[in-house]
Amino acid sequence: MTGFTLTEDQQQVREDARKFAKEVLLGAPAEYLKFGTQEERFRSTRPLYQKAVAAGQIRAQIPIPAGGTGGSFVSTALQLEEHYAVDASVSLTIAATGLGLAPLIIAGNPDLWNRFLPPFLSGDGEPLASLVHSEPGGTANWLESGGNGLQTTAYEKDGQWIINGEKLWTTNSAGWDRKGADLQCVVCRYCEGGPESSPARDLRSSVVILIVTRENVALNGPSSYIVLDEPELVGHPAVSGPHTRFTNFKVPMENLLASPDSAVDIVKQSFGVSAAMVGGMAVGIMRAAFEKALRFAKTNNRGGLVPIIQRQSVADLLIKTKIKLDASRLLTWKALDSVQNGPGDEAAVLEACLQAKIFSSENAVKCVVSAMKVVGITSYASNHAFGRLLNDAACLPLFDGGNVGIRQRQYQSLLEDQNYQPWANL
């Protein structure tokens, strides 16, 4: 028999995240929206992020075997929902650190854990991590046979790795001060024959992941690591997704996280789990919009004799929104539970994660718009926060692997496979 009751530990995770969101995140937009640029707004959230670290919100994303307090992936989704229901920007910075640590955790190397995880386990400071994969030219087809692959390259020379190339949309990667995150997992095309060598025929076998720390940035010359731009974003207005450039950037040989025989699988596993995590983000936004609209509908008659919740058209909008919200949550929980507990093979679990990402992110936008229709023209006013919710929701189908260019194409590949089993995840 399948159950949907949260464990005591999961309930505690939710309560702790809700308490943190109420006490720390609730006033965040009013503070960071005082600033005029993306970078200024991001930097202004540093004290809030420090409180997240102290409250164990980073440590909770690291599994117990690696020294953290993290339990199930469902627990992380609960945390995300509570955070996103209050503020998306600071929440994404927290979640992006979890994604940035994912390749290191998945690689399962205790020696590397001992070297690089302590700053994220201590509960002090404001350490950032980033999974550095996306590039200015796009990475939707980074493994397409015959293509050019990643344009950020790495090769070995004189006992070191040398990185060259540009990255973009890599949340947290520049750190708080443009001198790099505490830990970057940089995904590169491996050039075995040096920087001028042509892409390998099999791009899957020519990828490496290198760990870059702030100490590595400091040891390289000032022109070796540069932040070219900090894009202004419509949604997530206090998040950093910089455009950076590596030029003959030197990394110690021992900072190799994943060699060509494992790197692609680690990247795919990291983004597979993160796809379902976007479901948690979407549910948080939908929940915030629904609660605001429901409260409005119960307390306003808009010139009539009864509260508008008693108008059928209003009730229908709220009903459909609530059903999409609850369905998104269950898809997310199912997918993340499947990652750890099955059933099904790797393809079946990926399908569940893709369903959670695509369905939830697409419906987040629709649900916010429906909530705004309930409230009417009043929702157009900036002090009602619906505009901020809509802008944040609009990012979800586009980032962490855009639905059209990446996630639905991944799903299509699963369907095209001759061995596809539609019900393997049941």
Foldseek 3Di string as FASTA:
>chain_A
DDDDDDDPVLVVLLVLLLVLQVVQVQCLCVPLVVDDAQLSSQLSCQVSLLVCLLSLVLLCLADVVLPGVHDFLLSVLSSLLSNLLRPDQSSVQSVQQSLQCQLVVVLPDNVVSVVQVVVSNPSGGRAGGWEFDAAPVGCLCQQPQPDQHDPWEWEDDPQWIWTWGKTWQTWCQCPSPNLGGQKYFHKHFYDHPDDPHGHDRGSLQGIWTFIDGSVLSVPDDPVQKGFPDFDQALASSNIGTTMMTGDRRIGHPVRTSGHSVCVVVSVCVSLLSVLLSLLSSLLSLLVSLLVLLVVQQQPDPPPDDHRNCPPPVLVVLSVVSVVLSVVLSVLSSLLRCCVPPFDDDPLVSSLSSLCSQQSSLVVSLVSLVSSCVSVDPVCVDVVSVSSNSNSNSVCSCPPSAHVVSHSVVSVVVLVPDPPRDPPRGD
